């Protein structure tokens, strides 16, 4: 049973990662053959950092989504066992805290880069 859950989580992460890259790369003007083609000879540092932050946020958001789905699955299959319910709520709590930290860091970086420009 654990191997099926692990395989499902791994497949979901891979799928979400591919979806994020396909959705983000064209919006950033990157090609899959040469990911630095949009940067050119004279890189704009805030632009490059912004692109990296957007990609990382997409990946982290996908991981958080998978954690919430996994926690929900554990909770639904707990059959009233307090230990499993506690584990699921802990996963949800830490995933939510992680999202708050990630969005806070994004807001801080956005503020700092706004001042630098």
PDB file of N, CA and C in Angstrom:
ATOM      1  N   UNK A   1       0.809  -1.192   0.000  1.00  0.00           N
ATOM      2  CA  UNK A   1       0.000   0.000   0.000  1.00  0.00           C
ATOM      3  C   UNK A   1       0.859   1.266   0.000  1.00  0.00           C
ATOM      4  N   UNK A   2       1.941   1.245   0.789  1.00  0.00           N
ATOM      5  CA  UNK A   2       2.798   2.413   0.849  1.00  0.00           C
ATOM      6  C   UNK A   2       3.494   2.665  -0.489  1.00  0.00           C
ATOM      7  N   UNK A   3       3.841   1.600  -1.197  1.00  0.00           N
ATOM      8  CA  UNK A   3       4.502   1.789  -2.490  1.00  0.00           C
ATOM      9  C   UNK A   3       3.541   2.405  -3.512  1.00  0.00           C
ATOM     10  N   UNK A   4       2.266   2.058  -3.429  1.00  0.00           N
ATOM     11  CA  UNK A   4       1.278   2.636  -4.337  1.00  0.00           C
ATOM     12  C   UNK A   4       1.119   4.127  -4.033  1.00  0.00           C
ATOM     13  N   UNK A   5       1.063   4.483  -2.756  1.00  0.00           N
ATOM     14  CA  UNK A   5       0.942   5.895  -2.379  1.00  0.00           C
ATOM     15  C   UNK A   5       2.179   6.660  -2.830  1.00  0.00           C
ATOM     16  N   UNK A   6       3.352   6.086  -2.590  1.00  0.00           N
ATOM     17  CA  UNK A   6       4.595   6.744  -2.995  1.00  0.00           C
ATOM     18  C   UNK A   6       4.653   6.919  -4.507  1.00  0.00           C
ATOM     19  N   UNK A   7       4.273   5.894  -5.257  1.00  0.00           N
ATOM     20  CA  UNK A   7       4.283   5.983  -6.712  1.00  0.00           C
ATOM     21  C   UNK A   7       3.278   7.024  -7.205  1.00  0.00           C
ATOM     22  N   UNK A   8       2.124   7.104  -6.569  1.00  0.00           N
ATOM     23  CA  UNK A   8       1.124   8.103  -6.937  1.00  0.00           C
ATOM     24  C   UNK A   8       1.638   9.514  -6.671  1.00  0.00           C
ATOM     25  N   UNK A   9       2.260   9.707  -5.525  1.00  0.00           N
ATOM     26  CA  UNK A   9       2.804  11.028  -5.185  1.00  0.00           C
ATOM     27  C   UNK A   9       3.918  11.396  -6.153  1.00  0.00           C
ATOM     28  N   UNK A  10       4.803  10.474  -6.437  1.00  0.00           N
ATOM     29  CA  UNK A  10       5.909  10.737  -7.355  1.00  0.00           C
ATOM     30  C   UNK A  10       5.404  11.064  -8.757  1.00  0.00           C
ATOM     31  N   UNK A  11       4.431  10.319  -9.230  1.00  0.00           N
ATOM     32  CA  UNK A  11       3.854  10.587 -10.548  1.00  0.00           C
ATOM     33  C   UNK A  11       3.152  11.940 -10.568  1.00  0.00           C
ATOM     34  N   UNK A  12       2.438  12.268  -9.500  1.00  0.00           N
ATOM     35  CA  UNK A  12       1.755  13.560  -9.428  1.00  0.00           C
ATOM     36  C   UNK A  12       2.750  14.706  -9.444  1.00  0.00           C
ATOM     37  N   UNK A  13       3.833  14.570  -8.683  1.00  0.00           N
ATOM     38  CA  UNK A  13       4.856  15.610  -8.679  1.00  0.00           C
ATOM     39  C   UNK A  13       5.476  15.796 -10.059  1.00  0.00           C
ATOM     40  N   UNK A  14       5.781  14.703 -10.713  1.00  0.00           N
ATOM     41  CA  UNK A  14       6.359  14.784 -12.053  1.00  0.00           C
ATOM     42  C   UNK A  14       5.390  15.443 -13.018  1.00  0.00           C
ATOM     43  N   UNK A  15       4.125  15.053 -12.955  1.00  0.00           N
ATOM     44  CA  UNK A  15       3.109  15.631 -13.828  1.00  0.00           C
ATOM     45  C   UNK A  15       2.959  17.134 -13.570  1.00  0.00           C
ATOM     46  N   UNK A  16       2.874  17.516 -12.295  1.00  0.00           N
ATOM     47  CA  UNK A  16       2.723  18.931 -11.971  1.00  0.00           C
ATOM     48  C   UNK A  16       3.957  19.735 -12.357  1.00  0.00           C
ATOM     49  N   UNK A  17       5.129  19.138 -12.210  1.00  0.00           N
ATOM     50  CA  UNK A  17       6.356  19.811 -12.605  1.00  0.00           C
ATOM     51  C   UNK A  17       6.369  20.065 -14.107  1.00  0.00           C
ATOM     52  N   UNK A  18       5.999  19.066 -14.890  1.00  0.00           N
ATOM     53  CA  UNK A  18       5.975  19.218 -16.350  1.00  0.00           C
ATOM     54  C   UNK A  18       4.936  20.257 -16.754  1.00  0.00           C
ATOM     55  N   UNK A  19       3.764  20.230 -16.137  1.00  0.00           N
ATOM     56  CA  UNK A  19       2.723  21.206 -16.444  1.00  0.00           C
ATOM     57  C   UNK A  19       3.202  22.619 -16.122  1.00  0.00           C
ATOM     58  N   UNK A  20       3.892  22.785 -15.000  1.00  0.00           N
ATOM     59  CA  UNK A  20       4.397  24.111 -14.637  1.00  0.00           C
ATOM     60  C   UNK A  20       5.444  24.590 -15.622  1.00  0.00           C
ATOM     61  N   UNK A  21       6.351  23.734 -16.015  1.00  0.00           N
ATOM     62  CA  UNK A  21       7.394  24.134 -16.951  1.00  0.00           C
ATOM     63  C   UNK A  21       6.782  24.483 -18.304  1.00  0.00           C
ATOM     64  N   UNK A  22       5.831  23.692 -18.765  1.00  0.00           N
ATOM     65  CA  UNK A  22       5.192  23.983 -20.053  1.00  0.00           C
ATOM     66  C   UNK A  22       4.409  25.292 -19.965  1.00  0.00           C
ATOM     67  N   UNK A  23       3.759  25.539 -18.838  1.00  0.00           N
ATOM     68  CA  UNK A  23       2.974  26.755 -18.692  1.00  0.00           C
ATOM     69  C   UNK A  23       3.815  27.991 -18.453  1.00  0.00           C
ATOM     70  N   UNK A  24       4.951  27.827 -17.800  1.00  0.00           N
ATOM     71  CA  UNK A  24       5.777  28.979 -17.441  1.00  0.00           C
ATOM     72  C   UNK A  24       6.768  29.335 -18.538  1.00  0.00           C
ATOM     73  N   UNK A  25       7.389  28.365 -19.162  1.00  0.00           N
ATOM     74  CA  UNK A  25       8.463  28.631 -20.117  1.00  0.00           C
ATOM     75  C   UNK A  25       8.031  29.517 -21.281  1.00  0.00           C
ATOM     76  N   UNK A  26       6.902  29.271 -21.950  1.00  0.00           N
ATOM     77  CA  UNK A  26       6.526  30.176 -23.033  1.00  0.00           C
ATOM     78  C   UNK A  26       6.220  31.587 -22.544  1.00  0.00           C
ATOM     79  N   UNK A  27       5.664  31.693 -21.334  1.00  0.00           N
ATOM     80  CA  UNK A  27       5.355  33.022 -20.800  1.00  0.00           C
ATOM     81  C   UNK A  27       6.627  33.806 -20.497  1.00  0.00           C
ATOM     82  N   UNK A  28       7.695  33.107 -20.226  1.00  0.00           N
ATOM     83  CA  UNK A  28       8.958  33.761 -19.939  1.00  0.00           C
ATOM     84  C   UNK A  28       9.774  34.016 -21.197  1.00  0.00           C
ATOM     85  N   UNK A  29       9.310  33.514 -22.319  1.00  0.00           N
ATOM     86  CA  UNK A  29      10.038  33.706 -23.563  1.00  0.00           C
ATOM     87  C   UNK A  29      11.200  32.743 -23.731  1.00  0.00           C
ATOM     88  N   UNK A  30      11.183  31.664 -23.006  1.00  0.00           N
ATOM     89  CA  UNK A  30      12.271  30.702 -23.090  1.00  0.00           C
ATOM     90  C   UNK A  30      11.891  29.584 -24.045  1.00  0.00           C
ATOM     91  N   UNK A  31      12.903  29.022 -24.665  1.00  0.00           N
ATOM     92  CA  UNK A  31      12.672  27.838 -25.474  1.00  0.00           C
ATOM     93  C   UNK A  31      13.229  26.649 -24.716  1.00  0.00           C
ATOM     94  N   UNK A  32      12.749  25.461 -25.043  1.00  0.00           N
ATOM     95  CA  UNK A  32      13.224  24.269 -24.352  1.00  0.00           C
ATOM     96  C   UNK A  32      14.623  23.876 -24.823  1.00  0.00           C
ATOM     97  N   UNK A  33      15.018  24.286 -26.021  1.00  0.00           N
ATOM     98  CA  UNK A  33      16.336  23.922 -26.527  1.00  0.00           C
ATOM     99  C   UNK A  33      17.428  24.794 -25.934  1.00  0.00           C
ATOM    100  N   UNK A  34      17.126  26.060 -25.705  1.00  0.00           N
ATOM    101  CA  UNK A  34      18.107  26.976 -25.155  1.00  0.00           C
ATOM    102  C   UNK A  34      17.420  27.840 -24.099  1.00  0.00           C
ATOM    103  N   UNK A  35      17.433  27.398 -22.828  1.00  0.00           N
ATOM    104  CA  UNK A  35      16.678  28.122 -21.810  1.00  0.00           C
ATOM    105  C   UNK A  35      17.195  29.514 -21.516  1.00  0.00           C
ATOM    106  N   UNK A  36      18.430  29.838 -21.897  1.00  0.00           N
ATOM    107  CA  UNK A  36      18.950  31.179 -21.650  1.00  0.00           C
ATOM    108  C   UNK A  36      18.855  32.067 -22.883  1.00  0.00           C
ATOM    109  N   UNK A  37      18.139  31.615 -23.908  1.00  0.00           N
ATOM    110  CA  UNK A  37      18.043  32.385 -25.146  1.00  0.00           C
ATOM    111  C   UNK A  37      17.343  33.713 -24.916  1.00  0.00           C
ATOM    112  N   UNK A  38      16.392  33.758 -23.984  1.00  0.00           N
ATOM    113  CA  UNK A  38      15.664  34.997 -23.733  1.00  0.00           C
ATOM    114  C   UNK A  38      16.512  36.003 -22.967  1.00  0.00           C
ATOM    115  N   UNK A  39      17.561  35.539 -22.314  1.00  0.00           N
ATOM    116  CA  UNK A  39      18.397  36.442 -21.530  1.00  0.00           C
ATOM    117  C   UNK A  39      19.292  37.273 -22.433  1.00  0.00           C
ATOM    118  N   UNK A  40      19.866  36.664 -23.441  1.00  0.00           N
ATOM    119  CA  UNK A  40      20.678  37.395 -24.397  1.00  0.00           C
ATOM    120  C   UNK A  40      22.068  37.705 -23.880  1.00  0.00           C
ATOM    121  N   UNK A  41      22.747  38.622 -24.571  1.00  0.00           N
ATOM    122  CA  UNK A  41      24.117  38.958 -24.224  1.00  0.00           C
ATOM    123  C   UNK A  41      24.185  39.910 -23.029  1.00  0.00           C
ATOM    124  N   UNK A  42      23.168  40.727 -22.832  1.00  0.00           N
ATOM    125  CA  UNK A  42      23.173  41.712 -21.756  1.00  0.00           C
ATOM    126  C   UNK A  42      22.048  41.373 -20.783  1.00  0.00           C
ATOM    127  N   UNK A  43      22.315  40.523 -19.796  1.00  0.00           N
ATOM    128  CA  UNK A  43      21.224  40.095 -18.913  1.00  0.00           C
ATOM    129  C   UNK A  43      20.767  41.196 -17.971  1.00  0.00           C
ATOM    130  N   UNK A  44      19.485  41.266 -17.786  1.00  0.00           N
ATOM    131  CA  UNK A  44      18.875  42.172 -16.833  1.00  0.00           C
ATOM    132  C   UNK A  44      18.680  41.375 -15.543  1.00  0.00           C
ATOM    133  N   UNK A  45      19.454  41.666 -14.504  1.00  0.00           N
ATOM    134  CA  UNK A  45      19.476  40.856 -13.292  1.00  0.00           C
ATOM    135  C   UNK A  45      18.097  40.724 -12.638  1.00  0.00           C
ATOM    136  N   UNK A  46      17.329  41.802 -12.446  1.00  0.00           N
ATOM    137  CA  UNK A  46      15.998  41.616 -11.849  1.00  0.00           C
ATOM    138  C   UNK A  46      15.082  40.745 -12.702  1.00  0.00           C
ATOM    139  N   UNK A  47      15.217  40.820 -14.027  1.00  0.00           N
ATOM    140  CA  UNK A  47      14.399  39.991 -14.906  1.00  0.00           C
ATOM    141  C   UNK A  47      14.745  38.515 -14.737  1.00  0.00           C
ATOM    142  N   UNK A  48      16.038  38.216 -14.704  1.00  0.00           N
ATOM    143  CA  UNK A  48      16.478  36.827 -14.552  1.00  0.00           C
ATOM    144  C   UNK A  48      16.046  36.280 -13.195  1.00  0.00           C
ATOM    145  N   UNK A  49      16.253  37.059 -12.147  1.00  0.00           N
ATOM    146  CA  UNK A  49      15.856  36.619 -10.804  1.00  0.00           C
ATOM    147  C   UNK A  49      14.338  36.443 -10.740  1.00  0.00           C
ATOM    148  N   UNK A  50      13.587  37.328 -11.360  1.00  0.00           N
ATOM    149  CA  UNK A  50      12.133  37.197 -11.394  1.00  0.00           C
ATOM    150  C   UNK A  50      11.687  35.928 -12.088  1.00  0.00           C
ATOM    151  N   UNK A  51      12.346  35.585 -13.170  1.00  0.00           N
ATOM    152  CA  UNK A  51      12.018  34.344 -13.881  1.00  0.00           C
ATOM    153  C   UNK A  51      12.292  33.128 -13.013  1.00  0.00           C
ATOM    154  N   UNK A  52      13.422  33.124 -12.347  1.00  0.00           N
ATOM    155  CA  UNK A  52      13.778  31.995 -11.482  1.00  0.00           C
ATOM    156  C   UNK A  52      12.783  31.885 -10.336  1.00  0.00           C
ATOM    157  N   UNK A  53      12.405  33.013  -9.746  1.00  0.00           N
ATOM    158  CA  UNK A  53      11.452  33.000  -8.638  1.00  0.00           C
ATOM    159  C   UNK A  53      10.100  32.462  -9.098  1.00  0.00           C
ATOM    160  N   UNK A  54       9.639  32.851 -10.279  1.00  0.00           N
ATOM    161  CA  UNK A  54       8.364  32.348 -10.786  1.00  0.00           C
ATOM    162  C   UNK A  54       8.394  30.839 -10.996  1.00  0.00           C
ATOM    163  N   UNK A  55       9.490  30.337 -11.516  1.00  0.00           N
ATOM    164  CA  UNK A  55       9.606  28.899 -11.733  1.00  0.00           C
ATOM    165  C   UNK A  55       9.626  28.160 -10.400  1.00  0.00           C
ATOM    166  N   UNK A  56      10.399  28.670  -9.454  1.00  0.00           N
ATOM    167  CA  UNK A  56      10.487  28.026  -8.140  1.00  0.00           C
ATOM    168  C   UNK A  56       9.133  28.066  -7.429  1.00  0.00           C
ATOM    169  N   UNK A  57       8.427  29.185  -7.517  1.00  0.00           N
ATOM    170  CA  UNK A  57       7.110  29.272  -6.892  1.00  0.00           C
ATOM    171  C   UNK A  57       6.133  28.274  -7.509  1.00  0.00           C
ATOM    172  N   UNK A  58       6.202  28.081  -8.799  1.00  0.00           N
ATOM    173  CA  UNK A  58       5.343  27.088  -9.442  1.00  0.00           C
ATOM    174  C   UNK A  58       5.627  25.684  -8.952  1.00  0.00           C
ATOM    175  N   UNK A  59       6.906  25.365  -8.801  1.00  0.00           N
ATOM    176  CA  UNK A  59       7.281  24.036  -8.324  1.00  0.00           C
ATOM    177  C   UNK A  59       6.874  23.854  -6.865  1.00  0.00           C
ATOM    178  N   UNK A  60       7.130  24.857  -6.039  1.00  0.00           N
ATOM    179  CA  UNK A  60       6.775  24.771  -4.622  1.00  0.00           C
ATOM    180  C   UNK A  60       5.258  24.697  -4.448  1.00  0.00           C
ATOM    181  N   UNK A  61       4.528  25.440  -5.241  1.00  0.00           N
ATOM    182  CA  UNK A  61       3.069  25.358  -5.192  1.00  0.00           C
ATOM    183  C   UNK A  61       2.565  23.975  -5.563  1.00  0.00           C
ATOM    184  N   UNK A  62       3.205  23.356  -6.536  1.00  0.00           N
ATOM    185  CA  UNK A  62       2.830  22.000  -6.923  1.00  0.00           C
ATOM    186  C   UNK A  62       3.117  21.008  -5.805  1.00  0.00           C
ATOM    187  N   UNK A  63       4.252  21.185  -5.151  1.00  0.00           N
ATOM    188  CA  UNK A  63       4.591  20.301  -4.029  1.00  0.00           C
ATOM    189  C   UNK A  63       3.585  20.477  -2.897  1.00  0.00           C
ATOM    190  N   UNK A  64       3.192  21.715  -2.609  1.00  0.00           N
ATOM    191  CA  UNK A  64       2.201  21.963  -1.556  1.00  0.00           C
ATOM    192  C   UNK A  64       0.864  21.324  -1.907  1.00  0.00           C
ATOM    193  N   UNK A  65       0.471  21.415  -3.168  1.00  0.00           N
ATOM    194  CA  UNK A  65      -0.777  20.786  -3.599  1.00  0.00           C
ATOM    195  C   UNK A  65      -0.729  19.283  -3.379  1.00  0.00           C
ATOM    196  N   UNK A  66       0.385  18.661  -3.745  1.00  0.00           N
ATOM    197  CA  UNK A  66       0.529  17.216  -3.555  1.00  0.00           C
ATOM    198  C   UNK A  66       0.503  16.867  -2.069  1.00  0.00           C
ATOM    199  N   UNK A  67       1.117  17.701  -1.235  1.00  0.00           N
ATOM    200  CA  UNK A  67       1.085  17.450   0.213  1.00  0.00           C
ATOM    201  C   UNK A  67      -0.331  17.531   0.761  1.00  0.00           C
ATOM    202  N   UNK A  68      -1.109  18.515   0.308  1.00  0.00           N
ATOM    203  CA  UNK A  68      -2.492  18.621   0.760  1.00  0.00           C
ATOM    204  C   UNK A  68      -3.319  17.422   0.303  1.00  0.00           C
ATOM    205  N   UNK A  69      -3.117  16.981  -0.927  1.00  0.00           N
ATOM    206  CA  UNK A  69      -3.846  15.813  -1.427  1.00  0.00           C
ATOM    207  C   UNK A  69      -3.457  14.567  -0.653  1.00  0.00           C
ATOM    208  N   UNK A  70      -2.164  14.405  -0.375  1.00  0.00           N
ATOM    209  CA  UNK A  70      -1.692  13.252   0.390  1.00  0.00           C
ATOM    210  C   UNK A  70      -2.277  13.271   1.794  1.00  0.00           C
ATOM    211  N   UNK A  71      -2.267  14.424   2.438  1.00  0.00           N
ATOM    212  CA  UNK A  71      -2.826  14.534   3.787  1.00  0.00           C
ATOM    213  C   UNK A  71      -4.322  14.220   3.783  1.00  0.00           C
ATOM    214  N   UNK A  72      -5.026  14.703   2.777  1.00  0.00           N
ATOM    215  CA  UNK A  72      -6.445  14.383   2.674  1.00  0.00           C
ATOM    216  C   UNK A  72      -6.689  12.900   2.480  1.00  0.00           C
ATOM    217  N   UNK A  73      -5.846  12.276   1.678  1.00  0.00           N
ATOM    218  CA  UNK A  73      -5.974  10.827   1.455  1.00  0.00           C
ATOM    219  C   UNK A  73      -5.702  10.069   2.752  1.00  0.00           C
ATOM    220  N   UNK A  74      -4.673  10.474   3.483  1.00  0.00           N
ATOM    221  CA  UNK A  74      -4.357   9.813   4.754  1.00  0.00           C
ATOM    222  C   UNK A  74      -5.514   9.997   5.739  1.00  0.00           C
ATOM    223  N   UNK A  75      -6.080  11.190   5.785  1.00  0.00           N
ATOM    224  CA  UNK A  75      -7.173  11.470   6.701  1.00  0.00           C
ATOM    225  C   UNK A  75      -8.415  10.645   6.340  1.00  0.00           C
ATOM    226  N   UNK A  76      -8.714  10.565   5.039  1.00  0.00           N
ATOM    227  CA  UNK A  76      -9.908   9.827   4.625  1.00  0.00           C
ATOM    228  C   UNK A  76      -9.770   8.326   4.855  1.00  0.00           C
ATOM    229  N   UNK A  77      -8.553   7.819   4.795  1.00  0.00           N
ATOM    230  CA  UNK A  77      -8.346   6.380   4.988  1.00  0.00           C
ATOM    231  C   UNK A  77      -7.920   6.047   6.415  1.00  0.00           C
ATOM    232  N   UNK A  78      -8.011   6.992   7.332  1.00  0.00           N
ATOM    233  CA  UNK A  78      -7.561   6.773   8.712  1.00  0.00           C
ATOM    234  C   UNK A  78      -8.477   5.832   9.487  1.00  0.00           C
ATOM    235  N   UNK A  79      -9.726   5.749   9.113  1.00  0.00           N
ATOM    236  CA  UNK A  79     -10.707   4.887   9.792  1.00  0.00           C
ATOM    237  C   UNK A  79     -10.788   5.186  11.283  1.00  0.00           C
ATOM    238  N   UNK A  80     -10.674   6.444  11.652  1.00  0.00           N
ATOM    239  CA  UNK A  80     -10.819   6.842  13.041  1.00  0.00           C
ATOM    240  C   UNK A  80      -9.575   6.681  13.892  1.00  0.00           C
ATOM    241  N   UNK A  81      -8.468   6.255  13.309  1.00  0.00           N
ATOM    242  CA  UNK A  81      -7.234   6.104  14.078  1.00  0.00           C
ATOM    243  C   UNK A  81      -6.647   7.487  14.366  1.00  0.00           C
ATOM    244  N   UNK A  82      -6.469   7.776  15.627  1.00  0.00           N
ATOM    245  CA  UNK A  82      -6.022   9.102  16.047  1.00  0.00           C
ATOM    246  C   UNK A  82      -4.623   9.423  15.529  1.00  0.00           C
ATOM    247  N   UNK A  83      -3.762   8.441  15.464  1.00  0.00           N
ATOM    248  CA  UNK A  83      -2.384   8.688  15.010  1.00  0.00           C
ATOM    249  C   UNK A  83      -2.355   9.123  13.542  1.00  0.00           C
ATOM    250  N   UNK A  84      -3.152   8.464  12.705  1.00  0.00           N
ATOM    251  CA  UNK A  84      -3.185   8.822  11.286  1.00  0.00           C
ATOM    252  C   UNK A  84      -3.833  10.188  11.080  1.00  0.00           C
ATOM    253  N   UNK A  85      -4.881  10.479  11.853  1.00  0.00           N
ATOM    254  CA  UNK A  85      -5.526  11.782  11.740  1.00  0.00           C
ATOM    255  C   UNK A  85      -4.562  12.879  12.168  1.00  0.00           C
ATOM    256  N   UNK A  86      -3.817  12.636  13.229  1.00  0.00           N
ATOM    257  CA  UNK A  86      -2.819  13.602  13.699  1.00  0.00           C
ATOM    258  C   UNK A  86      -1.736  13.808  12.646  1.00  0.00           C
ATOM    259  N   UNK A  87      -1.291  12.713  12.024  1.00  0.00           N
ATOM    260  CA  UNK A  87      -0.273  12.812  10.966  1.00  0.00           C
ATOM    261  C   UNK A  87      -0.792  13.654   9.806  1.00  0.00           C
ATOM    262  N   UNK A  88      -2.039  13.424   9.397  1.00  0.00           N
ATOM    263  CA  UNK A  88      -2.621  14.171   8.271  1.00  0.00           C
ATOM    264  C   UNK A  88      -2.764  15.645   8.607  1.00  0.00           C
ATOM    265  N   UNK A  89      -3.218  15.962   9.812  1.00  0.00           N
ATOM    266  CA  UNK A  89      -3.363  17.365  10.175  1.00  0.00           C
ATOM    267  C   UNK A  89      -2.002  18.051  10.305  1.00  0.00           C
ATOM    268  N   UNK A  90      -1.000  17.313  10.761  1.00  0.00           N
ATOM    269  CA  UNK A  90       0.355  17.886  10.819  1.00  0.00           C
ATOM    270  C   UNK A  90       0.891  18.186   9.425  1.00  0.00           C
ATOM    271  N   UNK A  91       0.647  17.281   8.477  1.00  0.00           N
ATOM    272  CA  UNK A  91       1.086  17.515   7.094  1.00  0.00           C
ATOM    273  C   UNK A  91       0.403  18.764   6.539  1.00  0.00           C
ATOM    274  N   UNK A  92      -0.904  18.879   6.770  1.00  0.00           N
ATOM    275  CA  UNK A  92      -1.627  20.054   6.279  1.00  0.00           C
ATOM    276  C   UNK A  92      -1.140  21.338   6.946  1.00  0.00           C
ATOM    277  N   UNK A  93      -0.891  21.268   8.243  1.00  0.00           N
ATOM    278  CA  UNK A  93      -0.413  22.443   8.962  1.00  0.00           C
ATOM    279  C   UNK A  93       0.938  22.903   8.430  1.00  0.00           C
ATOM    280  N   UNK A  94       1.873  21.974   8.261  1.00  0.00           N
ATOM    281  CA  UNK A  94       3.215  22.353   7.796  1.00  0.00           C
ATOM    282  C   UNK A  94       3.205  22.782   6.335  1.00  0.00           C
ATOM    283  N   UNK A  95       2.323  22.204   5.528  1.00  0.00           N
ATOM    284  CA  UNK A  95       2.205  22.650   4.138  1.00  0.00           C
ATOM    285  C   UNK A  95       1.661  24.076   4.087  1.00  0.00           C
ATOM    286  N   UNK A  96       0.685  24.385   4.942  1.00  0.00           N
ATOM    287  CA  UNK A  96       0.127  25.746   4.986  1.00  0.00           C
ATOM    288  C   UNK A  96       1.173  26.744   5.486  1.00  0.00           C
ATOM    289  N   UNK A  97       1.921  26.359   6.512  1.00  0.00           N
ATOM    290  CA  UNK A  97       2.987  27.235   7.015  1.00  0.00           C
ATOM    291  C   UNK A  97       4.040  27.460   5.935  1.00  0.00           C
ATOM    292  N   UNK A  98       4.380  26.413   5.204  1.00  0.00           N
ATOM    293  CA  UNK A  98       5.338  26.542   4.104  1.00  0.00           C
ATOM    294  C   UNK A  98       4.849  27.499   3.033  1.00  0.00           C
ATOM    295  N   UNK A  99       3.564  27.421   2.692  1.00  0.00           N
ATOM    296  CA  UNK A  99       3.007  28.343   1.698  1.00  0.00           C
ATOM    297  C   UNK A  99       3.034  29.782   2.198  1.00  0.00           C
ATOM    298  N   UNK A 100       2.743  29.991   3.468  1.00  0.00           N
ATOM    299  CA  UNK A 100       2.800  31.340   4.033  1.00  0.00           C
ATOM    300  C   UNK A 100       4.220  31.882   3.954  1.00  0.00           C
ATOM    301  N   UNK A 101       5.200  31.049   4.289  1.00  0.00           N
ATOM    302  CA  UNK A 101       6.600  31.479   4.226  1.00  0.00           C
ATOM    303  C   UNK A 101       7.001  31.798   2.787  1.00  0.00           C
ATOM    304  N   UNK A 102       6.609  30.957   1.852  1.00  0.00           N
ATOM    305  CA  UNK A 102       6.964  31.167   0.447  1.00  0.00           C
ATOM    306  C   UNK A 102       6.327  32.457  -0.079  1.00  0.00           C
ATOM    307  N   UNK A 103       5.043  32.667   0.187  1.00  0.00           N
ATOM    308  CA  UNK A 103       4.389  33.880  -0.309  1.00  0.00           C
ATOM    309  C   UNK A 103       4.916  35.124   0.385  1.00  0.00           C
ATOM    310  N   UNK A 104       5.281  34.997   1.657  1.00  0.00           N
ATOM    311  CA  UNK A 104       5.876  36.135   2.352  1.00  0.00           C
ATOM    312  C   UNK A 104       7.221  36.491   1.747  1.00  0.00           C
ATOM    313  N   UNK A 105       8.025  35.479   1.448  1.00  0.00           N
ATOM    314  CA  UNK A 105       9.327  35.760   0.831  1.00  0.00           C
ATOM    315  C   UNK A 105       9.147  36.364  -0.559  1.00  0.00           C
ATOM    316  N   UNK A 106       8.135  35.924  -1.291  1.00  0.00           N
ATOM    317  CA  UNK A 106       7.862  36.510  -2.597  1.00  0.00           C
ATOM    318  C   UNK A 106       7.479  37.986  -2.451  1.00  0.00           C
ATOM    319  N   UNK A 107       6.638  38.280  -1.452  1.00  0.00           N
ATOM    320  CA  UNK A 107       6.221  39.666  -1.243  1.00  0.00           C
ATOM    321  C   UNK A 107       7.412  40.543  -0.856  1.00  0.00           C
ATOM    322  N   UNK A 108       8.289  40.026  -0.010  1.00  0.00           N
ATOM    323  CA  UNK A 108       9.474  40.782   0.397  1.00  0.00           C
ATOM    324  C   UNK A 108      10.387  41.027  -0.803  1.00  0.00           C
ATOM    325  N   UNK A 109      10.633  39.988  -1.604  1.00  0.00           N
ATOM    326  CA  UNK A 109      11.484  40.153  -2.787  1.00  0.00           C
ATOM    327  C   UNK A 109      10.864  41.116  -3.792  1.00  0.00           C
ATOM    328  N   UNK A 110       9.560  41.038  -3.972  1.00  0.00           N
ATOM    329  CA  UNK A 110       8.870  41.948  -4.878  1.00  0.00           C
ATOM    330  C   UNK A 110       9.027  43.390  -4.399  1.00  0.00           C
ATOM    331  N   UNK A 111       8.927  43.598  -3.099  1.00  0.00           N
ATOM    332  CA  UNK A 111       9.100  44.926  -2.519  1.00  0.00           C
ATOM    333  C   UNK A 111      10.531  45.424  -2.718  1.00  0.00           C
ATOM    334  N   UNK A 112      11.502  44.556  -2.449  1.00  0.00           N
ATOM    335  CA  UNK A 112      12.912  44.951  -2.578  1.00  0.00           C
ATOM    336  C   UNK A 112      13.249  45.270  -4.035  1.00  0.00           C
ATOM    337  N   UNK A 113      12.828  44.418  -4.964  1.00  0.00           N
ATOM    338  CA  UNK A 113      13.115  44.684  -6.370  1.00  0.00           C
ATOM    339  C   UNK A 113      12.361  45.910  -6.874  1.00  0.00           C
ATOM    340  N   UNK A 114      11.207  46.212  -6.279  1.00  0.00           N
ATOM    341  CA  UNK A 114      10.486  47.428  -6.629  1.00  0.00           C
ATOM    342  C   UNK A 114      11.251  48.670  -6.214  1.00  0.00           C
ATOM    343  N   UNK A 115      11.942  48.601  -5.084  1.00  0.00           N
ATOM    344  CA  UNK A 115      12.747  49.720  -4.624  1.00  0.00           C
ATOM    345  C   UNK A 115      14.004  49.863  -5.481  1.00  0.00           C
ATOM    346  N   UNK A 116      14.606  48.728  -5.879  1.00  0.00           N
ATOM    347  CA  UNK A 116      15.848  48.750  -6.660  1.00  0.00           C
ATOM    348  C   UNK A 116      15.629  49.362  -8.035  1.00  0.00           C
ATOM    349  N   UNK A 117      14.501  49.084  -8.657  1.00  0.00           N
ATOM    350  CA  UNK A 117      14.235  49.590 -10.013  1.00  0.00           C
ATOM    351  C   UNK A 117      14.214  51.030 -10.023  1.00  0.00           C
TER     352      UNK A 117
END
